[in-house]
N, C-alpha and C. Protein backbone atom coordinates (compact mmCIF):
# COMPACT_ATOMS: atom_id res chain seq x y z
N GLN A 1 174.82 68.39 32.90
CA GLN A 1 175.90 69.25 33.66
C GLN A 1 176.75 69.24 32.77
N VAL A 2 178.03 70.42 32.98
CA VAL A 2 179.11 70.51 31.94
C VAL A 2 180.05 71.32 32.99
N HIS A 3 181.61 70.51 32.48
CA HIS A 3 182.66 70.87 32.99
C HIS A 3 183.74 71.67 32.61
N LEU A 4 184.80 71.90 32.67
CA LEU A 4 185.65 72.53 31.97
C LEU A 4 186.61 71.72 32.44
N VAL A 5 187.89 71.26 32.17
CA VAL A 5 189.15 70.87 32.50
C VAL A 5 190.02 70.99 31.64
N GLU A 6 190.96 71.60 33.02
CA GLU A 6 192.17 72.75 32.47
C GLU A 6 193.35 71.44 32.51
N SER A 7 194.38 71.80 31.68
CA SER A 7 196.00 71.49 31.72
C SER A 7 196.80 71.82 31.04
N GLY A 8 197.95 71.77 31.41
CA GLY A 8 199.13 72.49 31.04
C GLY A 8 199.66 73.81 31.71
N GLY A 9 199.92 73.49 33.06
CA GLY A 9 200.01 74.97 33.82
C GLY A 9 201.55 74.40 34.37
N GLY A 10 202.42 74.55 35.11
CA GLY A 10 203.58 74.37 35.66
C GLY A 10 204.48 75.51 35.87
N LEU A 11 205.60 74.77 35.73
CA LEU A 11 206.95 75.94 36.15
C LEU A 11 207.88 76.37 34.94
N VAL A 12 208.15 77.26 34.61
CA VAL A 12 208.82 77.75 33.22
C VAL A 12 209.64 78.87 33.80
N GLN A 13 210.69 79.02 32.94
CA GLN A 13 211.68 79.82 33.27
C GLN A 13 211.10 81.22 32.10
N ALA A 14 211.61 82.28 32.68
CA ALA A 14 211.32 83.17 31.54
C ALA A 14 211.56 83.39 30.63
N GLY A 15 210.93 83.44 29.11
CA GLY A 15 211.30 83.86 28.06
C GLY A 15 210.93 82.19 27.30
N GLY A 16 210.62 81.32 28.11
CA GLY A 16 209.85 80.31 27.77
C GLY A 16 208.75 79.93 27.65
N SER A 17 208.23 79.18 27.37
CA SER A 17 206.68 79.02 26.56
C SER A 17 205.90 77.81 27.23
N LEU A 18 204.68 77.85 27.29
CA LEU A 18 203.46 76.71 27.76
C LEU A 18 202.13 77.32 27.13
N ARG A 19 201.84 75.60 26.53
CA ARG A 19 200.49 75.58 26.43
C ARG A 19 199.09 74.92 27.13
N LEU A 20 198.39 75.54 27.08
CA LEU A 20 197.25 75.45 28.17
C LEU A 20 195.89 74.97 27.00
N SER A 21 195.55 73.72 27.51
CA SER A 21 194.36 73.49 26.96
C SER A 21 193.31 73.58 28.36
N CYS A 22 191.63 73.59 27.61
CA CYS A 22 190.50 73.10 28.40
C CYS A 22 189.41 72.48 27.89
N ALA A 23 189.08 71.46 27.98
CA ALA A 23 188.12 70.70 27.51
C ALA A 23 187.07 70.85 28.20
N ALA A 24 186.14 71.18 27.21
CA ALA A 24 184.44 71.00 27.88
C ALA A 24 183.82 70.15 27.49
N THR A 25 183.13 69.15 29.05
CA THR A 25 182.40 67.91 28.81
C THR A 25 181.00 68.04 28.93
N GLY A 26 179.90 66.98 29.22
CA GLY A 26 179.11 67.25 29.13
C GLY A 26 178.19 67.51 28.42
N SER A 27 176.83 68.13 28.75
CA SER A 27 175.30 68.07 28.02
C SER A 27 175.62 69.29 26.83
N ILE A 28 176.32 69.16 25.90
CA ILE A 28 176.97 70.83 25.14
C ILE A 28 175.94 70.92 24.11
N PHE A 29 175.06 71.48 23.83
CA PHE A 29 174.33 71.78 22.38
C PHE A 29 175.06 72.47 21.37
N SER A 30 176.09 73.99 22.02
CA SER A 30 177.18 74.76 21.22
C SER A 30 178.05 74.85 22.22
N ILE A 31 178.71 75.56 21.85
CA ILE A 31 179.48 76.57 22.58
C ILE A 31 179.57 78.06 22.17
N ASN A 32 179.63 79.20 22.33
CA ASN A 32 179.74 80.27 22.09
C ASN A 32 181.09 80.60 22.05
N VAL A 33 181.53 81.37 23.31
CA VAL A 33 182.70 82.95 23.59
C VAL A 33 183.42 81.34 24.33
N MET A 34 184.34 81.51 24.06
CA MET A 34 185.53 80.86 25.07
C MET A 34 186.16 81.64 25.81
N ALA A 35 186.81 81.83 27.04
CA ALA A 35 187.96 82.64 27.05
C ALA A 35 188.98 82.55 27.95
N TRP A 36 190.13 83.16 27.85
CA TRP A 36 190.86 82.79 29.32
C TRP A 36 191.31 84.20 29.91
N TYR A 37 191.25 83.49 31.41
CA TYR A 37 191.84 84.54 32.28
C TYR A 37 192.91 84.07 33.12
N ARG A 38 193.81 85.45 33.96
CA ARG A 38 194.63 84.84 34.87
C ARG A 38 193.87 85.52 36.14
N GLN A 39 194.65 85.52 37.35
CA GLN A 39 194.33 85.92 38.75
C GLN A 39 195.42 85.77 39.55
N ALA A 40 196.34 86.47 39.52
CA ALA A 40 198.08 86.32 40.71
C ALA A 40 197.34 87.07 42.27
N PRO A 41 197.86 86.62 42.85
CA PRO A 41 197.54 86.68 44.64
C PRO A 41 197.46 87.81 44.58
N GLY A 42 196.52 88.52 45.51
CA GLY A 42 195.85 89.38 46.20
C GLY A 42 195.29 90.56 44.83
N LYS A 43 195.05 89.46 43.14
CA LYS A 43 194.61 91.06 42.18
C LYS A 43 192.99 90.21 42.03
N GLN A 44 192.80 91.22 41.04
CA GLN A 44 191.58 90.47 40.37
C GLN A 44 191.82 89.67 39.14
N ARG A 45 190.85 89.53 39.10
CA ARG A 45 190.78 87.89 38.15
C ARG A 45 190.64 88.62 36.23
N ASP A 46 191.42 88.84 35.70
CA ASP A 46 191.61 89.10 34.15
C ASP A 46 191.01 88.98 33.16
N LEU A 47 190.60 89.56 31.96
CA LEU A 47 190.36 88.91 31.02
C LEU A 47 191.72 88.94 30.08
N LEU A 48 192.18 87.83 29.52
CA LEU A 48 193.29 87.71 28.72
C LEU A 48 193.20 87.86 27.39
N ALA A 49 191.89 87.04 26.66
CA ALA A 49 191.62 86.46 25.31
C ALA A 49 190.04 85.91 25.32
N THR A 50 189.79 86.18 24.31
CA THR A 50 188.83 85.38 23.53
C THR A 50 188.70 85.06 22.12
N ILE A 51 187.75 84.00 22.20
CA ILE A 51 187.55 83.40 20.77
C ILE A 51 185.68 82.95 20.78
N THR A 52 184.96 83.39 18.98
CA THR A 52 184.49 82.83 19.17
C THR A 52 184.23 81.68 18.14
N SER A 53 182.94 81.32 18.28
CA SER A 53 182.77 79.70 17.80
C SER A 53 183.26 79.92 16.27
N GLY A 54 183.39 80.94 15.79
CA GLY A 54 183.83 81.34 14.22
C GLY A 54 185.22 81.85 14.42
N GLY A 55 185.78 81.68 15.46
CA GLY A 55 187.20 82.12 15.43
C GLY A 55 187.82 83.21 15.39
N SER A 56 186.77 83.56 15.77
CA SER A 56 187.10 86.03 15.63
C SER A 56 187.28 86.04 17.66
N THR A 57 189.26 86.42 17.47
CA THR A 57 190.06 86.83 18.79
C THR A 57 190.27 88.19 19.06
N ASN A 58 189.84 87.78 20.41
CA ASN A 58 190.58 89.70 20.90
C ASN A 58 191.45 89.47 22.18
N TYR A 59 192.56 90.25 22.04
CA TYR A 59 193.19 89.60 23.84
C TYR A 59 193.38 91.06 24.61
N ALA A 60 193.50 91.20 25.70
CA ALA A 60 194.30 92.03 26.52
C ALA A 60 195.42 92.83 25.94
N ASP A 61 196.15 93.92 25.74
CA ASP A 61 197.31 94.71 25.73
C ASP A 61 198.42 93.75 26.57
N SER A 62 198.15 93.41 27.51
CA SER A 62 199.19 92.65 28.65
C SER A 62 199.89 91.70 27.54
N VAL A 63 199.32 90.80 26.65
CA VAL A 63 199.37 89.49 25.89
C VAL A 63 199.23 89.72 25.02
N LYS A 64 199.24 90.61 23.91
CA LYS A 64 198.97 90.60 22.93
C LYS A 64 200.06 90.59 21.99
N GLY A 65 200.48 89.48 21.27
CA GLY A 65 201.72 89.53 20.85
C GLY A 65 202.39 88.34 21.34
N ARG A 66 202.28 87.74 22.32
CA ARG A 66 202.73 86.70 22.99
C ARG A 66 202.25 85.48 22.92
N PHE A 67 200.92 85.42 23.58
CA PHE A 67 199.74 85.04 23.49
C PHE A 67 199.12 84.62 22.40
N THR A 68 198.57 83.14 21.97
CA THR A 68 197.75 83.07 21.22
C THR A 68 196.56 82.33 21.78
N ILE A 69 195.17 82.53 21.46
CA ILE A 69 194.36 81.43 21.83
C ILE A 69 193.87 81.31 20.49
N SER A 70 193.06 80.01 20.72
CA SER A 70 193.02 78.86 19.50
C SER A 70 191.86 78.08 20.19
N ARG A 71 191.08 77.25 19.16
CA ARG A 71 189.80 76.10 19.55
C ARG A 71 189.80 75.23 18.72
N ASP A 72 189.12 74.36 19.05
CA ASP A 72 189.03 72.94 18.06
C ASP A 72 187.23 72.62 18.49
N ASN A 73 186.57 73.02 17.90
CA ASN A 73 185.32 72.81 18.17
C ASN A 73 184.71 71.39 17.78
N ALA A 74 185.27 70.49 16.69
CA ALA A 74 185.04 69.50 17.11
C ALA A 74 185.39 68.59 18.63
N ARG A 75 186.14 69.03 19.46
CA ARG A 75 186.70 68.90 20.73
C ARG A 75 186.28 69.41 21.63
N ASN A 76 185.61 70.64 21.35
CA ASN A 76 184.97 71.51 22.54
C ASN A 76 185.96 72.08 23.32
N THR A 77 187.06 72.18 23.06
CA THR A 77 187.95 72.20 23.27
C THR A 77 189.35 73.69 22.75
N VAL A 78 189.57 74.56 23.98
CA VAL A 78 190.56 76.01 24.07
C VAL A 78 191.48 75.57 24.15
N TYR A 79 192.21 76.65 23.70
CA TYR A 79 193.73 76.27 23.94
C TYR A 79 194.15 77.63 24.34
N LEU A 80 195.52 78.13 24.64
CA LEU A 80 196.19 79.59 25.16
C LEU A 80 197.96 79.38 24.93
N GLN A 81 198.37 79.42 23.81
CA GLN A 81 199.88 78.95 23.74
C GLN A 81 200.48 80.46 24.13
N MET A 82 201.20 80.34 25.08
CA MET A 82 201.94 81.52 25.79
C MET A 82 203.41 81.41 25.46
N ASN A 83 203.94 82.36 24.94
CA ASN A 83 205.47 82.27 24.43
C ASN A 83 205.93 83.76 25.20
N SER A 84 207.13 83.68 25.38
CA SER A 84 208.07 84.99 25.72
C SER A 84 207.24 85.52 27.19
N LEU A 85 207.31 84.10 27.88
CA LEU A 85 206.37 84.41 29.50
C LEU A 85 207.36 85.64 30.07
N LYS A 86 207.01 86.16 31.29
CA LYS A 86 207.64 86.80 31.88
C LYS A 86 207.17 86.25 33.35
N PRO A 87 208.08 86.67 34.08
CA PRO A 87 207.61 86.70 35.76
C PRO A 87 206.13 87.09 36.03
N GLU A 88 206.13 88.35 35.68
CA GLU A 88 204.71 88.53 36.11
C GLU A 88 203.34 88.44 35.15
N ASP A 89 203.87 86.60 34.36
CA ASP A 89 202.26 86.26 33.93
C ASP A 89 202.51 85.37 35.19
N THR A 90 202.48 85.01 35.92
CA THR A 90 202.33 84.02 37.50
C THR A 90 201.58 84.76 37.53
N ALA A 91 200.16 83.48 37.52
CA ALA A 91 198.70 83.38 38.05
C ALA A 91 198.30 82.49 37.99
N VAL A 92 197.15 81.94 38.97
CA VAL A 92 196.36 80.70 37.95
C VAL A 92 195.53 81.25 36.69
N TYR A 93 195.68 80.08 35.62
CA TYR A 93 194.42 80.88 34.50
C TYR A 93 193.27 79.73 34.77
N TYR A 94 192.57 80.86 34.46
CA TYR A 94 190.77 79.84 34.38
C TYR A 94 190.61 79.74 32.39
N CYS A 95 189.77 79.10 32.65
CA CYS A 95 189.05 78.94 31.33
C CYS A 95 188.08 78.86 31.48
N ASN A 96 187.02 79.77 30.46
CA ASN A 96 186.16 80.12 30.75
C ASN A 96 185.05 79.71 29.23
N ALA A 97 183.73 79.48 29.59
CA ALA A 97 182.88 78.94 28.01
C ALA A 97 181.28 79.24 28.07
N HIS A 98 180.61 79.86 27.20
CA HIS A 98 179.16 80.46 27.37
C HIS A 98 178.50 79.06 26.12
N VAL A 99 178.36 78.05 27.24
CA VAL A 99 177.66 76.79 26.59
C VAL A 99 176.21 77.07 26.78
N CYS A 100 175.94 76.16 25.48
CA CYS A 100 174.48 76.47 26.25
C CYS A 100 173.93 74.76 25.53
N SER A 101 173.05 73.94 26.10
CA SER A 101 172.15 72.91 26.70
C SER A 101 170.85 72.98 26.28
N GLY A 102 170.70 72.20 25.14
CA GLY A 102 168.84 72.34 24.87
C GLY A 102 168.64 73.97 24.22
N TYR A 103 167.92 74.65 25.40
CA TYR A 103 167.58 75.89 26.11
C TYR A 103 167.98 76.56 26.54
N ARG A 104 169.14 76.28 27.43
CA ARG A 104 169.74 77.06 28.45
C ARG A 104 171.21 77.46 28.24
N CYS A 105 171.64 78.36 28.72
CA CYS A 105 173.29 78.61 28.13
C CYS A 105 173.22 79.25 29.52
N ASN A 106 174.70 79.14 29.81
CA ASN A 106 175.19 79.21 30.99
C ASN A 106 176.85 79.71 30.92
N ASP A 107 177.39 80.53 31.81
CA ASP A 107 179.29 80.56 31.79
C ASP A 107 179.17 79.47 32.82
N TYR A 108 180.50 78.41 32.33
CA TYR A 108 181.12 77.82 33.31
C TYR A 108 182.80 78.31 33.28
N TRP A 109 183.18 77.81 33.96
CA TRP A 109 184.24 78.20 34.15
C TRP A 109 185.57 76.42 34.83
N GLY A 110 186.66 76.70 34.32
CA GLY A 110 187.52 75.61 34.43
C GLY A 110 188.13 75.78 36.07
N GLN A 111 188.61 74.48 36.65
CA GLN A 111 189.22 74.73 37.97
C GLN A 111 190.32 75.59 38.31
N GLY A 112 191.08 75.99 37.53
CA GLY A 112 192.22 77.06 37.00
C GLY A 112 193.52 75.78 37.10
N THR A 113 194.35 76.28 36.76
CA THR A 113 195.74 76.17 36.91
C THR A 113 196.87 76.52 36.53
N GLN A 114 198.06 76.57 37.81
CA GLN A 114 199.06 77.54 38.06
C GLN A 114 200.18 77.27 37.04
N VAL A 115 200.55 78.73 36.70
CA VAL A 115 201.65 79.04 36.03
C VAL A 115 202.59 80.07 36.79
N THR A 116 203.86 79.13 36.80
CA THR A 116 204.96 79.99 37.31
C THR A 116 206.19 80.55 36.74
N VAL A 117 206.34 81.27 36.48
CA VAL A 117 207.60 82.31 35.47
C VAL A 117 208.78 82.72 36.57
N SER A 118 209.68 81.74 36.50
CA SER A 118 210.60 82.49 37.19
C SER A 118 211.57 82.94 36.54
N SER A 119 212.38 84.19 36.94
CA SER A 119 213.21 84.49 36.55
C SER A 119 214.56 84.38 36.37
């Protein structure tokens, strides 16, 4: 069994910064792509950023230049550094990881962490 545990959300003023963390635990052989998504009330879950095991990254236009995704492969952890936060960044943030355990690979989700940006 694999679990993703997120931390780091909270309330911040516009222009501020937050750093989210997501640690994968359990029976893990390898983790390929790790990603961050967010979902605002009444909206779909949107992909924000991805990072491969080799460190290649991609970003949605809405966060490019403000958010940075990184990972520590030794700790099976992915991070999202969020700078210059705006009220429209308010959402529940979820991490996702493609995890292989033995011969089986699956996508796993974190429980979500609330980020609220006040104006």
